[in-house]
Amino acid sequence: MTSPDPSAHRGAPLPSALGLRRRRPEPVRAEVPPVVAPRAPGAAGLPTVEEVSAGGIVIREHEDGLEVAIIARYNRGGRLEWCLPKGHPEGAEDHRQAAVREVEEETGIAGHILEPLGSIDYWFTVSRHRVHKTVHHFLLRATGGELTIENDPDHEAVDVAWVRLEDVARRLSFANERRIVDLARRIVDQHFPAGGARDHRP
């Protein structure tokens, strides 16, 4: 993990209705996150940087059903956001290796990858460039560890919690991560038959 990750986070597009007052809205306006001034002049002319992160949904079997470890962090505007753990690959890491490491660093939970859950991408703007970010998500089975944010080298996470699988989507701050959780719930009983049956509601 290298720098604060807006992750599906500050990358949620602004509602298109915000641009209706302009007769000729610039297409880039829908890609600017809420924490950045949406009408900053010259945004379309900024250079674009590609970024990649990896992380995912780490699940444990608990007496009450399946639980997912999620983290909280503050965005640049000072708002607390609950999100899935993720971060940038380091060195020669591939996406899977980065996901396992980032999940453990940010939550304290070691995990084993069961299968990929797909990727999401979004745009956000910083002072001198626009960032196109892609986040690769994986489904992991918890294999050990204890919840803690003390192992996060960049101290981005400020809280961590186990949340029941059926409640995770309501806790997450961003729609694109809620879609990843929905996908995980559709396949989770392939890997957690007993727990998945209890938690998988129609």
N, C-alpha and C. Protein backbone atom coordinates (compact mmCIF):
# COMPACT_ATOMS: atom_id res chain seq x y z
N MET A 1 0.85 -1.17 0.00
CA MET A 1 0.00 0.00 0.00
C MET A 1 0.89 1.22 0.00
N THR A 2 0.65 2.13 -0.90
CA THR A 2 1.56 3.24 -1.04
C THR A 2 0.96 4.57 -0.65
N SER A 3 -0.22 4.88 -1.12
CA SER A 3 -0.81 6.18 -0.82
C SER A 3 -2.28 5.99 -0.55
N PRO A 4 -2.92 6.96 0.11
CA PRO A 4 -4.36 6.80 0.41
C PRO A 4 -5.12 6.44 -0.83
N ASP A 5 -5.96 5.47 -0.69
CA ASP A 5 -6.66 4.94 -1.86
C ASP A 5 -8.09 5.44 -1.90
N PRO A 6 -8.44 6.28 -2.86
CA PRO A 6 -9.82 6.73 -2.93
C PRO A 6 -10.73 5.61 -3.30
N SER A 7 -10.20 4.54 -3.85
CA SER A 7 -10.82 3.32 -4.19
C SER A 7 -12.25 3.47 -4.62
N ALA A 8 -12.77 2.78 -4.87
CA ALA A 8 -14.14 2.86 -5.32
C ALA A 8 -14.74 3.94 -4.53
N HIS A 9 -14.05 4.57 -4.05
CA HIS A 9 -14.22 5.48 -2.94
C HIS A 9 -14.42 6.84 -3.51
N ARG A 10 -13.44 7.55 -3.60
CA ARG A 10 -13.73 8.87 -4.12
C ARG A 10 -13.94 8.82 -5.62
N GLY A 11 -14.07 7.64 -6.19
CA GLY A 11 -14.24 7.56 -7.62
C GLY A 11 -15.67 7.50 -8.07
N ALA A 12 -16.65 7.52 -7.17
CA ALA A 12 -18.03 7.44 -7.60
C ALA A 12 -18.37 8.66 -8.44
N PRO A 13 -18.95 8.46 -9.66
CA PRO A 13 -19.26 9.60 -10.52
C PRO A 13 -20.31 10.51 -9.89
N LEU A 14 -20.20 11.78 -10.21
CA LEU A 14 -21.23 12.71 -9.78
C LEU A 14 -22.51 12.45 -10.55
N PRO A 15 -23.68 12.69 -9.96
CA PRO A 15 -24.93 12.55 -10.69
C PRO A 15 -24.93 13.45 -11.91
N SER A 16 -25.44 12.94 -13.03
CA SER A 16 -25.42 13.74 -14.24
C SER A 16 -26.27 14.98 -14.11
N ALA A 17 -27.23 14.95 -13.17
CA ALA A 17 -28.09 16.11 -13.02
C ALA A 17 -27.31 17.35 -12.59
N LEU A 18 -26.14 17.17 -11.99
CA LEU A 18 -25.38 18.33 -11.55
C LEU A 18 -24.89 19.16 -12.73
N GLY A 19 -24.85 18.58 -13.90
CA GLY A 19 -24.35 19.32 -15.05
C GLY A 19 -25.44 19.90 -15.93
N LEU A 20 -26.70 19.78 -15.53
CA LEU A 20 -27.77 20.21 -16.41
C LEU A 20 -27.83 21.71 -16.61
N ARG A 21 -27.24 22.49 -15.74
CA ARG A 21 -27.31 23.93 -15.88
C ARG A 21 -26.39 24.45 -16.97
N ARG A 22 -25.46 23.62 -17.39
CA ARG A 22 -24.55 24.02 -18.48
C ARG A 22 -25.16 23.62 -19.82
N ARG A 23 -25.09 24.53 -20.76
CA ARG A 23 -25.61 24.19 -22.07
C ARG A 23 -24.73 23.17 -22.77
N ARG A 24 -23.43 23.22 -22.51
CA ARG A 24 -22.51 22.28 -23.15
C ARG A 24 -21.63 21.63 -22.09
N PRO A 25 -22.21 20.71 -21.28
CA PRO A 25 -21.41 20.10 -20.21
C PRO A 25 -20.26 19.29 -20.78
N GLU A 26 -19.12 19.37 -20.13
CA GLU A 26 -17.97 18.59 -20.56
C GLU A 26 -18.11 17.16 -20.06
N PRO A 27 -17.82 16.16 -20.90
CA PRO A 27 -17.99 14.77 -20.48
C PRO A 27 -17.22 14.42 -19.21
N VAL A 28 -16.09 15.08 -18.95
CA VAL A 28 -15.28 14.74 -17.81
C VAL A 28 -15.97 15.02 -16.49
N ARG A 29 -17.01 15.89 -16.48
CA ARG A 29 -17.62 16.25 -15.21
C ARG A 29 -18.20 15.05 -14.48
N ALA A 30 -18.69 14.07 -15.22
CA ALA A 30 -19.29 12.89 -14.58
C ALA A 30 -18.24 12.01 -13.92
N GLU A 31 -16.95 12.28 -14.20
CA GLU A 31 -15.90 11.42 -13.68
C GLU A 31 -15.19 12.04 -12.47
N VAL A 32 -15.52 13.26 -12.12
CA VAL A 32 -14.84 13.93 -11.02
C VAL A 32 -15.51 13.55 -9.71
N PRO A 33 -14.75 13.14 -8.68
CA PRO A 33 -15.35 12.72 -7.42
C PRO A 33 -15.90 13.89 -6.63
N PRO A 34 -16.83 13.62 -5.71
CA PRO A 34 -17.44 14.70 -4.94
C PRO A 34 -16.47 15.53 -4.13
N VAL A 35 -15.32 14.96 -3.75
CA VAL A 35 -14.41 15.70 -2.89
C VAL A 35 -13.54 16.67 -3.67
N VAL A 36 -13.64 16.68 -4.99
CA VAL A 36 -12.85 17.59 -5.82
C VAL A 36 -13.80 18.57 -6.47
N ALA A 37 -13.38 19.82 -6.58
CA ALA A 37 -14.24 20.83 -7.20
C ALA A 37 -14.68 20.37 -8.58
N PRO A 38 -15.97 20.15 -8.80
CA PRO A 38 -16.42 19.51 -10.03
C PRO A 38 -16.33 20.40 -11.25
N ARG A 39 -16.18 21.71 -11.08
CA ARG A 39 -16.15 22.60 -12.23
C ARG A 39 -14.78 23.23 -12.43
N ALA A 40 -13.74 22.57 -11.88
CA ALA A 40 -12.41 23.15 -12.01
C ALA A 40 -12.04 23.34 -13.47
N PRO A 41 -11.66 24.55 -13.87
CA PRO A 41 -11.33 24.80 -15.27
C PRO A 41 -10.11 24.01 -15.70
N GLY A 42 -10.14 23.56 -16.94
CA GLY A 42 -8.99 22.88 -17.51
C GLY A 42 -8.85 21.43 -17.12
N ALA A 43 -9.84 20.84 -16.42
CA ALA A 43 -9.71 19.46 -15.98
C ALA A 43 -9.52 18.51 -17.15
N ALA A 44 -10.21 18.81 -18.26
CA ALA A 44 -10.14 17.92 -19.41
C ALA A 44 -8.74 17.89 -20.01
N GLY A 45 -7.93 18.93 -19.78
CA GLY A 45 -6.60 18.98 -20.35
C GLY A 45 -5.52 18.39 -19.46
N LEU A 46 -5.90 17.90 -18.28
CA LEU A 46 -4.90 17.33 -17.38
C LEU A 46 -4.40 15.99 -17.90
N PRO A 47 -3.14 15.67 -17.65
CA PRO A 47 -2.64 14.35 -18.04
C PRO A 47 -3.31 13.26 -17.22
N THR A 48 -3.41 12.07 -17.82
CA THR A 48 -4.07 10.93 -17.17
C THR A 48 -3.03 9.94 -16.67
N VAL A 49 -3.23 9.46 -15.46
CA VAL A 49 -2.36 8.45 -14.86
C VAL A 49 -3.19 7.20 -14.61
N GLU A 50 -2.65 6.03 -14.98
CA GLU A 50 -3.32 4.76 -14.72
C GLU A 50 -2.83 4.20 -13.39
N GLU A 51 -3.76 3.78 -12.53
CA GLU A 51 -3.41 3.16 -11.26
C GLU A 51 -4.15 1.83 -11.12
N VAL A 52 -3.53 0.92 -10.40
CA VAL A 52 -4.12 -0.40 -10.18
C VAL A 52 -4.04 -0.73 -8.69
N SER A 53 -5.12 -1.29 -8.15
CA SER A 53 -5.14 -1.79 -6.78
C SER A 53 -5.76 -3.18 -6.78
N ALA A 54 -5.56 -3.88 -5.68
CA ALA A 54 -6.16 -5.21 -5.53
C ALA A 54 -6.55 -5.40 -4.06
N GLY A 55 -7.62 -6.14 -3.86
CA GLY A 55 -8.10 -6.41 -2.51
C GLY A 55 -9.28 -7.35 -2.59
N GLY A 56 -10.15 -7.28 -1.58
CA GLY A 56 -11.29 -8.16 -1.71
C GLY A 56 -12.11 -8.36 -0.47
N ILE A 57 -12.89 -9.42 -0.54
CA ILE A 57 -13.84 -9.78 0.50
C ILE A 57 -13.31 -11.01 1.21
N VAL A 58 -12.87 -10.82 2.46
CA VAL A 58 -12.36 -11.94 3.25
C VAL A 58 -13.47 -12.38 4.20
N ILE A 59 -13.82 -13.66 4.13
CA ILE A 59 -14.97 -14.21 4.86
C ILE A 59 -14.52 -15.24 5.88
N ARG A 60 -15.15 -15.18 7.06
CA ARG A 60 -14.95 -16.23 8.05
C ARG A 60 -16.29 -16.86 8.39
N GLU A 61 -16.23 -18.15 8.78
CA GLU A 61 -17.41 -18.84 9.26
C GLU A 61 -17.53 -18.60 10.76
N HIS A 62 -18.67 -18.08 11.15
CA HIS A 62 -18.92 -17.74 12.55
C HIS A 62 -20.17 -18.47 13.00
N GLU A 63 -20.36 -18.55 14.32
CA GLU A 63 -21.53 -19.27 14.82
C GLU A 63 -22.83 -18.64 14.35
N ASP A 64 -22.83 -17.37 14.05
CA ASP A 64 -24.04 -16.69 13.57
C ASP A 64 -24.13 -16.67 12.05
N GLY A 65 -23.19 -17.27 11.36
CA GLY A 65 -23.20 -17.24 9.90
C GLY A 65 -21.87 -16.75 9.36
N LEU A 66 -21.88 -16.23 8.15
CA LEU A 66 -20.67 -15.75 7.51
C LEU A 66 -20.47 -14.27 7.81
N GLU A 67 -19.19 -13.89 8.04
CA GLU A 67 -18.86 -12.50 8.33
C GLU A 67 -17.74 -12.03 7.43
N VAL A 68 -17.75 -10.74 7.12
CA VAL A 68 -16.78 -10.11 6.23
C VAL A 68 -16.04 -9.02 7.00
N ALA A 69 -14.73 -8.94 6.82
CA ALA A 69 -13.93 -7.89 7.46
C ALA A 69 -13.88 -6.67 6.54
N ILE A 70 -14.32 -5.52 7.05
CA ILE A 70 -14.26 -4.27 6.30
C ILE A 70 -13.54 -3.22 7.13
N ILE A 71 -13.06 -2.18 6.47
CA ILE A 71 -12.29 -1.14 7.17
C ILE A 71 -12.96 0.21 7.00
N ALA A 72 -12.59 1.13 7.88
CA ALA A 72 -13.04 2.52 7.78
C ALA A 72 -11.82 3.41 7.59
N ARG A 73 -11.98 4.44 6.78
CA ARG A 73 -10.93 5.43 6.59
C ARG A 73 -11.57 6.78 6.33
N TYR A 74 -10.80 7.83 6.54
CA TYR A 74 -11.31 9.17 6.26
C TYR A 74 -10.90 9.58 4.85
N ASN A 75 -11.85 10.17 4.12
CA ASN A 75 -11.49 10.67 2.79
C ASN A 75 -10.85 12.05 2.93
N ARG A 76 -10.46 12.63 1.79
CA ARG A 76 -9.77 13.92 1.83
C ARG A 76 -10.67 15.03 2.35
N GLY A 77 -11.97 14.81 2.32
CA GLY A 77 -12.89 15.80 2.86
C GLY A 77 -13.18 15.60 4.34
N GLY A 78 -12.56 14.59 4.95
CA GLY A 78 -12.74 14.35 6.38
C GLY A 78 -13.93 13.48 6.72
N ARG A 79 -14.58 12.88 5.72
CA ARG A 79 -15.74 12.03 5.98
C ARG A 79 -15.30 10.59 6.16
N LEU A 80 -15.88 9.92 7.16
CA LEU A 80 -15.56 8.51 7.41
C LEU A 80 -16.26 7.64 6.38
N GLU A 81 -15.50 6.74 5.76
CA GLU A 81 -16.03 5.84 4.74
C GLU A 81 -15.69 4.40 5.09
N TRP A 82 -16.69 3.52 5.03
CA TRP A 82 -16.47 2.09 5.21
C TRP A 82 -16.28 1.45 3.85
N CYS A 83 -15.24 0.64 3.72
CA CYS A 83 -14.91 0.09 2.40
C CYS A 83 -14.23 -1.27 2.54
N LEU A 84 -14.04 -1.92 1.40
CA LEU A 84 -13.31 -3.18 1.34
C LEU A 84 -11.82 -2.89 1.39
N PRO A 85 -11.03 -3.75 2.02
CA PRO A 85 -9.58 -3.53 2.05
C PRO A 85 -8.97 -3.71 0.68
N LYS A 86 -8.02 -2.86 0.36
CA LYS A 86 -7.36 -2.91 -0.95
C LYS A 86 -6.14 -2.02 -0.96
N GLY A 87 -5.29 -2.16 -1.96
CA GLY A 87 -4.12 -1.30 -2.08
C GLY A 87 -3.31 -1.65 -3.32
N HIS A 88 -2.24 -0.91 -3.53
CA HIS A 88 -1.42 -1.07 -4.73
C HIS A 88 -0.48 -2.27 -4.62
N PRO A 89 -0.28 -3.00 -5.72
CA PRO A 89 0.75 -4.05 -5.72
C PRO A 89 2.13 -3.44 -5.45
N GLU A 90 2.97 -4.20 -4.79
CA GLU A 90 4.32 -3.76 -4.50
C GLU A 90 5.32 -4.66 -5.21
N GLY A 91 6.36 -4.06 -5.75
CA GLY A 91 7.40 -4.82 -6.43
C GLY A 91 6.84 -5.66 -7.57
N ALA A 92 7.17 -6.95 -7.55
CA ALA A 92 6.75 -7.85 -8.63
C ALA A 92 5.45 -8.59 -8.30
N GLU A 93 4.71 -8.13 -7.30
CA GLU A 93 3.46 -8.79 -6.93
C GLU A 93 2.47 -8.80 -8.08
N ASP A 94 1.73 -9.91 -8.21
CA ASP A 94 0.59 -9.91 -9.12
C ASP A 94 -0.64 -9.48 -8.32
N HIS A 95 -1.79 -9.42 -8.98
CA HIS A 95 -3.00 -8.93 -8.32
C HIS A 95 -3.41 -9.81 -7.14
N ARG A 96 -3.28 -11.11 -7.31
CA ARG A 96 -3.67 -12.03 -6.24
C ARG A 96 -2.79 -11.85 -5.01
N GLN A 97 -1.49 -11.78 -5.22
CA GLN A 97 -0.57 -11.60 -4.10
C GLN A 97 -0.81 -10.28 -3.40
N ALA A 98 -1.05 -9.23 -4.18
CA ALA A 98 -1.30 -7.92 -3.59
C ALA A 98 -2.59 -7.93 -2.77
N ALA A 99 -3.61 -8.62 -3.27
CA ALA A 99 -4.88 -8.67 -2.56
C ALA A 99 -4.72 -9.35 -1.20
N VAL A 100 -4.02 -10.47 -1.16
CA VAL A 100 -3.82 -11.19 0.09
C VAL A 100 -3.06 -10.32 1.08
N ARG A 101 -1.98 -9.69 0.62
CA ARG A 101 -1.17 -8.86 1.51
C ARG A 101 -1.96 -7.65 2.02
N GLU A 102 -2.66 -6.95 1.12
CA GLU A 102 -3.39 -5.76 1.52
C GLU A 102 -4.52 -6.08 2.50
N VAL A 103 -5.22 -7.17 2.27
CA VAL A 103 -6.28 -7.56 3.20
C VAL A 103 -5.70 -7.81 4.58
N GLU A 104 -4.56 -8.50 4.64
CA GLU A 104 -3.98 -8.78 5.95
C GLU A 104 -3.43 -7.52 6.61
N GLU A 105 -2.79 -6.65 5.82
CA GLU A 105 -2.26 -5.42 6.41
C GLU A 105 -3.37 -4.53 6.96
N GLU A 106 -4.45 -4.42 6.23
CA GLU A 106 -5.48 -3.45 6.62
C GLU A 106 -6.48 -4.00 7.62
N THR A 107 -6.63 -5.32 7.70
CA THR A 107 -7.61 -5.90 8.63
C THR A 107 -6.99 -6.76 9.71
N GLY A 108 -5.76 -7.23 9.51
CA GLY A 108 -5.14 -8.17 10.43
C GLY A 108 -5.50 -9.61 10.14
N ILE A 109 -6.33 -9.85 9.11
CA ILE A 109 -6.82 -11.20 8.81
C ILE A 109 -6.08 -11.80 7.62
N ALA A 110 -5.45 -12.94 7.84
CA ALA A 110 -4.82 -13.68 6.74
C ALA A 110 -5.91 -14.40 5.96
N GLY A 111 -5.73 -14.51 4.65
CA GLY A 111 -6.75 -15.16 3.85
C GLY A 111 -6.17 -15.93 2.69
N HIS A 112 -6.99 -16.85 2.19
CA HIS A 112 -6.65 -17.66 1.02
C HIS A 112 -7.65 -17.35 -0.08
N ILE A 113 -7.16 -17.03 -1.27
CA ILE A 113 -8.05 -16.66 -2.38
C ILE A 113 -8.82 -17.88 -2.87
N LEU A 114 -10.13 -17.71 -2.99
CA LEU A 114 -11.01 -18.75 -3.51
C LEU A 114 -11.28 -18.55 -5.00
N GLU A 115 -11.57 -17.31 -5.39
CA GLU A 115 -11.76 -17.01 -6.79
C GLU A 115 -11.86 -15.50 -6.99
N PRO A 116 -11.62 -15.04 -8.23
CA PRO A 116 -11.74 -13.60 -8.51
C PRO A 116 -13.20 -13.18 -8.53
N LEU A 117 -13.45 -11.94 -8.17
CA LEU A 117 -14.81 -11.38 -8.18
C LEU A 117 -14.97 -10.30 -9.26
N GLY A 118 -13.94 -10.08 -10.04
CA GLY A 118 -14.04 -9.07 -11.07
C GLY A 118 -13.39 -7.76 -10.66
N SER A 119 -13.48 -6.78 -11.54
CA SER A 119 -12.81 -5.51 -11.34
C SER A 119 -13.79 -4.35 -11.49
N ILE A 120 -13.45 -3.24 -10.85
CA ILE A 120 -14.20 -2.01 -11.04
C ILE A 120 -13.20 -0.93 -11.43
N ASP A 121 -13.65 0.06 -12.18
CA ASP A 121 -12.76 1.17 -12.49
C ASP A 121 -13.51 2.48 -12.38
N TYR A 122 -12.80 3.54 -12.11
CA TYR A 122 -13.39 4.85 -11.90
C TYR A 122 -12.32 5.91 -12.09
N TRP A 123 -12.77 7.16 -12.13
CA TRP A 123 -11.87 8.30 -12.32
C TRP A 123 -11.93 9.22 -11.12
N PHE A 124 -10.82 9.86 -10.82
CA PHE A 124 -10.82 10.98 -9.88
C PHE A 124 -9.70 11.93 -10.28
N THR A 125 -9.78 13.14 -9.78
CA THR A 125 -8.84 14.18 -10.15
C THR A 125 -8.08 14.68 -8.93
N VAL A 126 -6.77 14.79 -9.08
CA VAL A 126 -5.95 15.44 -8.06
C VAL A 126 -5.41 16.73 -8.66
N SER A 127 -4.54 17.42 -7.95
CA SER A 127 -4.19 18.78 -8.34
C SER A 127 -3.62 18.90 -9.75
N ARG A 128 -2.83 17.95 -10.18
CA ARG A 128 -2.15 18.12 -11.47
C ARG A 128 -2.41 17.03 -12.48
N HIS A 129 -3.25 16.07 -12.16
CA HIS A 129 -3.57 15.03 -13.13
C HIS A 129 -4.88 14.33 -12.76
N ARG A 130 -5.42 13.65 -13.75
CA ARG A 130 -6.59 12.80 -13.55
C ARG A 130 -6.11 11.37 -13.44
N VAL A 131 -6.78 10.60 -12.57
CA VAL A 131 -6.38 9.22 -12.33
C VAL A 131 -7.49 8.29 -12.80
N HIS A 132 -7.11 7.32 -13.62
CA HIS A 132 -8.01 6.24 -13.99
C HIS A 132 -7.58 5.02 -13.19
N LYS A 133 -8.42 4.61 -12.25
CA LYS A 133 -8.04 3.55 -11.32
C LYS A 133 -8.85 2.29 -11.57
N THR A 134 -8.17 1.16 -11.56
CA THR A 134 -8.80 -0.15 -11.68
C THR A 134 -8.50 -0.94 -10.41
N VAL A 135 -9.55 -1.52 -9.82
CA VAL A 135 -9.40 -2.29 -8.59
C VAL A 135 -9.86 -3.72 -8.86
N HIS A 136 -8.98 -4.67 -8.63
CA HIS A 136 -9.27 -6.09 -8.83
C HIS A 136 -9.66 -6.70 -7.48
N HIS A 137 -10.84 -7.32 -7.44
CA HIS A 137 -11.36 -7.88 -6.20
C HIS A 137 -11.37 -9.41 -6.25
N PHE A 138 -11.13 -10.01 -5.06
CA PHE A 138 -11.11 -11.46 -4.94
C PHE A 138 -11.93 -11.87 -3.71
N LEU A 139 -12.44 -13.09 -3.77
CA LEU A 139 -13.12 -13.69 -2.63
C LEU A 139 -12.08 -14.51 -1.87
N LEU A 140 -11.95 -14.26 -0.56
CA LEU A 140 -10.95 -14.95 0.25
C LEU A 140 -11.62 -15.64 1.44
N ARG A 141 -11.04 -16.76 1.83
CA ARG A 141 -11.44 -17.43 3.07
C ARG A 141 -10.44 -17.04 4.15
N ALA A 142 -10.92 -16.57 5.29
CA ALA A 142 -10.04 -16.22 6.41
C ALA A 142 -9.36 -17.48 6.93
N THR A 143 -8.05 -17.40 7.12
CA THR A 143 -7.29 -18.55 7.60
C THR A 143 -6.62 -18.29 8.95
N GLY A 144 -6.70 -17.08 9.46
CA GLY A 144 -6.10 -16.78 10.75
C GLY A 144 -6.00 -15.29 10.98
N GLY A 145 -5.43 -14.93 12.12
CA GLY A 145 -5.25 -13.53 12.45
C GLY A 145 -6.35 -12.99 13.34
N GLU A 146 -6.16 -11.76 13.79
CA GLU A 146 -7.13 -11.06 14.62
C GLU A 146 -7.34 -9.67 14.03
N LEU A 147 -8.56 -9.15 14.17
CA LEU A 147 -8.84 -7.82 13.65
C LEU A 147 -7.92 -6.79 14.29
N THR A 148 -7.23 -6.02 13.44
CA THR A 148 -6.38 -4.93 13.92
C THR A 148 -6.04 -4.02 12.75
N ILE A 149 -5.82 -2.76 13.04
CA ILE A 149 -5.35 -1.82 12.02
C ILE A 149 -3.88 -1.48 12.27
N GLU A 150 -3.28 -2.12 13.25
CA GLU A 150 -1.91 -1.79 13.62
C GLU A 150 -0.88 -2.25 12.60
N ASN A 151 -1.26 -3.17 11.71
CA ASN A 151 -0.32 -3.68 10.71
C ASN A 151 -0.34 -2.88 9.42
N ASP A 152 -1.18 -1.86 9.35
CA ASP A 152 -1.30 -1.04 8.15
C ASP A 152 -0.12 -0.07 8.11
N PRO A 153 0.84 -0.26 7.20
CA PRO A 153 2.06 0.56 7.22
C PRO A 153 1.80 2.03 6.93
N ASP A 154 0.74 2.34 6.20
CA ASP A 154 0.45 3.73 5.86
C ASP A 154 -0.61 4.34 6.76
N HIS A 155 -1.12 3.54 7.68
CA HIS A 155 -2.09 4.04 8.67
C HIS A 155 -3.30 4.71 8.00
N GLU A 156 -3.77 4.11 6.92
CA GLU A 156 -4.96 4.63 6.25
C GLU A 156 -6.23 4.18 6.95
N ALA A 157 -6.25 2.94 7.41
CA ALA A 157 -7.43 2.42 8.09
C ALA A 157 -7.49 2.98 9.51
N VAL A 158 -8.69 3.42 9.92
CA VAL A 158 -8.87 3.94 11.28
C VAL A 158 -9.77 3.04 12.11
N ASP A 159 -10.41 2.07 11.47
CA ASP A 159 -11.24 1.12 12.20
C ASP A 159 -11.43 -0.11 11.32
N VAL A 160 -11.77 -1.22 11.94
CA VAL A 160 -12.00 -2.47 11.22
C VAL A 160 -13.08 -3.23 11.97
N ALA A 161 -13.89 -3.99 11.24
CA ALA A 161 -15.00 -4.70 11.89
C ALA A 161 -15.39 -5.93 11.09
N TRP A 162 -15.87 -6.95 11.83
CA TRP A 162 -16.54 -8.08 11.19
C TRP A 162 -18.02 -7.70 11.04
N VAL A 163 -18.55 -7.89 9.85
CA VAL A 163 -19.95 -7.58 9.58
C VAL A 163 -20.59 -8.78 8.91
N ARG A 164 -21.79 -9.13 9.34
CA ARG A 164 -22.48 -10.26 8.73
C ARG A 164 -22.62 -10.04 7.23
N LEU A 165 -22.44 -11.11 6.48
CA LEU A 165 -22.43 -11.01 5.02
C LEU A 165 -23.67 -10.31 4.48
N GLU A 166 -24.83 -10.62 5.04
CA GLU A 166 -26.04 -10.03 4.51
C GLU A 166 -26.18 -8.55 4.87
N ASP A 167 -25.33 -8.06 5.79
CA ASP A 167 -25.39 -6.65 6.19
C ASP A 167 -24.30 -5.79 5.58
N VAL A 168 -23.33 -6.42 4.93
CA VAL A 168 -22.16 -5.68 4.45
C VAL A 168 -22.53 -4.59 3.45
N ALA A 169 -23.38 -4.90 2.50
CA ALA A 169 -23.72 -3.92 1.46
C ALA A 169 -24.28 -2.64 2.08
N ARG A 170 -25.07 -2.78 3.15
CA ARG A 170 -25.63 -1.59 3.79
C ARG A 170 -24.58 -0.77 4.52
N ARG A 171 -23.48 -1.40 4.91
CA ARG A 171 -22.43 -0.69 5.64
C ARG A 171 -21.44 0.02 4.72
N LEU A 172 -21.25 -0.51 3.52
CA LEU A 172 -20.26 0.07 2.62
C LEU A 172 -20.71 1.41 2.07
N SER A 173 -19.75 2.30 1.84
CA SER A 173 -20.06 3.67 1.43
C SER A 173 -20.25 3.83 -0.07
N PHE A 174 -19.80 2.86 -0.88
CA PHE A 174 -19.78 3.07 -2.32
C PHE A 174 -20.53 1.98 -3.08
N ALA A 175 -21.29 2.42 -4.05
CA ALA A 175 -22.17 1.52 -4.80
C ALA A 175 -21.38 0.46 -5.56
N ASN A 176 -20.22 0.81 -6.10
CA ASN A 176 -19.48 -0.18 -6.88
C ASN A 176 -18.96 -1.31 -5.99
N GLU A 177 -18.63 -1.02 -4.74
CA GLU A 177 -18.23 -2.09 -3.83
C GLU A 177 -19.44 -2.90 -3.38
N ARG A 178 -20.58 -2.27 -3.26
CA ARG A 178 -21.80 -3.03 -2.92
C ARG A 178 -22.13 -4.02 -4.02
N ARG A 179 -21.85 -3.68 -5.26
CA ARG A 179 -22.08 -4.62 -6.37
C ARG A 179 -21.13 -5.82 -6.28
N ILE A 180 -19.90 -5.58 -5.85
CA ILE A 180 -18.97 -6.68 -5.67
C ILE A 180 -19.46 -7.63 -4.57
N VAL A 181 -20.01 -7.07 -3.50
CA VAL A 181 -20.57 -7.89 -2.42
C VAL A 181 -21.76 -8.70 -2.93
N ASP A 182 -22.61 -8.08 -3.73
CA ASP A 182 -23.76 -8.81 -4.28
C ASP A 182 -23.29 -10.00 -5.11
N LEU A 183 -22.23 -9.81 -5.89
CA LEU A 183 -21.69 -10.91 -6.67
C LEU A 183 -21.15 -12.01 -5.75
N ALA A 184 -20.46 -11.62 -4.70
CA ALA A 184 -19.93 -12.62 -3.76
C ALA A 184 -21.05 -13.42 -3.12
N ARG A 185 -22.16 -12.78 -2.78
CA ARG A 185 -23.27 -13.49 -2.14
C ARG A 185 -23.90 -14.51 -3.09
N ARG A 186 -23.83 -14.26 -4.39
CA ARG A 186 -24.42 -15.21 -5.34
C ARG A 186 -23.60 -16.48 -5.48
N ILE A 187 -22.31 -16.41 -5.14
CA ILE A 187 -21.45 -17.59 -5.34
C ILE A 187 -20.91 -18.15 -4.03
N VAL A 188 -21.21 -17.50 -2.92
CA VAL A 188 -20.54 -17.87 -1.67
C VAL A 188 -20.88 -19.28 -1.22
N ASP A 189 -22.07 -19.78 -1.51
CA ASP A 189 -22.42 -21.12 -1.03
C ASP A 189 -21.67 -22.22 -1.76
N GLN A 190 -20.96 -21.87 -2.84
CA GLN A 190 -20.09 -22.84 -3.49
C GLN A 190 -18.86 -23.13 -2.64
N HIS A 191 -18.49 -22.17 -1.80
CA HIS A 191 -17.29 -22.30 -0.98
C HIS A 191 -17.59 -22.46 0.51
N PHE A 192 -18.76 -21.97 0.93
CA PHE A 192 -19.18 -22.07 2.33
C PHE A 192 -20.61 -22.63 2.35
N PRO A 193 -20.78 -23.92 2.07
CA PRO A 193 -22.14 -24.46 1.92
C PRO A 193 -23.06 -24.23 3.12
N ALA A 194 -22.59 -24.48 4.31
CA ALA A 194 -23.45 -24.32 5.47
C ALA A 194 -23.73 -22.86 5.78
N GLY A 195 -22.65 -22.07 5.87
CA GLY A 195 -22.83 -20.66 6.17
C GLY A 195 -23.53 -19.92 5.06
N GLY A 196 -23.21 -20.29 3.81
CA GLY A 196 -23.85 -19.63 2.69
C GLY A 196 -25.33 -19.87 2.67
N ALA A 197 -25.76 -21.09 3.06
CA ALA A 197 -27.17 -21.39 3.06
C ALA A 197 -27.92 -20.54 4.08
N ARG A 198 -27.29 -20.28 5.24
CA ARG A 198 -27.93 -19.46 6.25
C ARG A 198 -28.02 -18.01 5.83
N ASP A 199 -26.96 -17.52 5.16
CA ASP A 199 -26.89 -16.10 4.88
C ASP A 199 -27.45 -15.72 3.53
N HIS A 200 -27.62 -16.68 2.64
CA HIS A 200 -28.00 -16.34 1.26
C HIS A 200 -29.53 -16.25 1.19
N ARG A 201 -30.01 -15.03 1.23
CA ARG A 201 -31.46 -14.83 1.18
C ARG A 201 -31.92 -14.51 -0.23
N PRO A 202 -33.13 -14.91 -0.60
CA PRO A 202 -33.61 -14.62 -1.96
C PRO A 202 -33.83 -13.14 -2.15
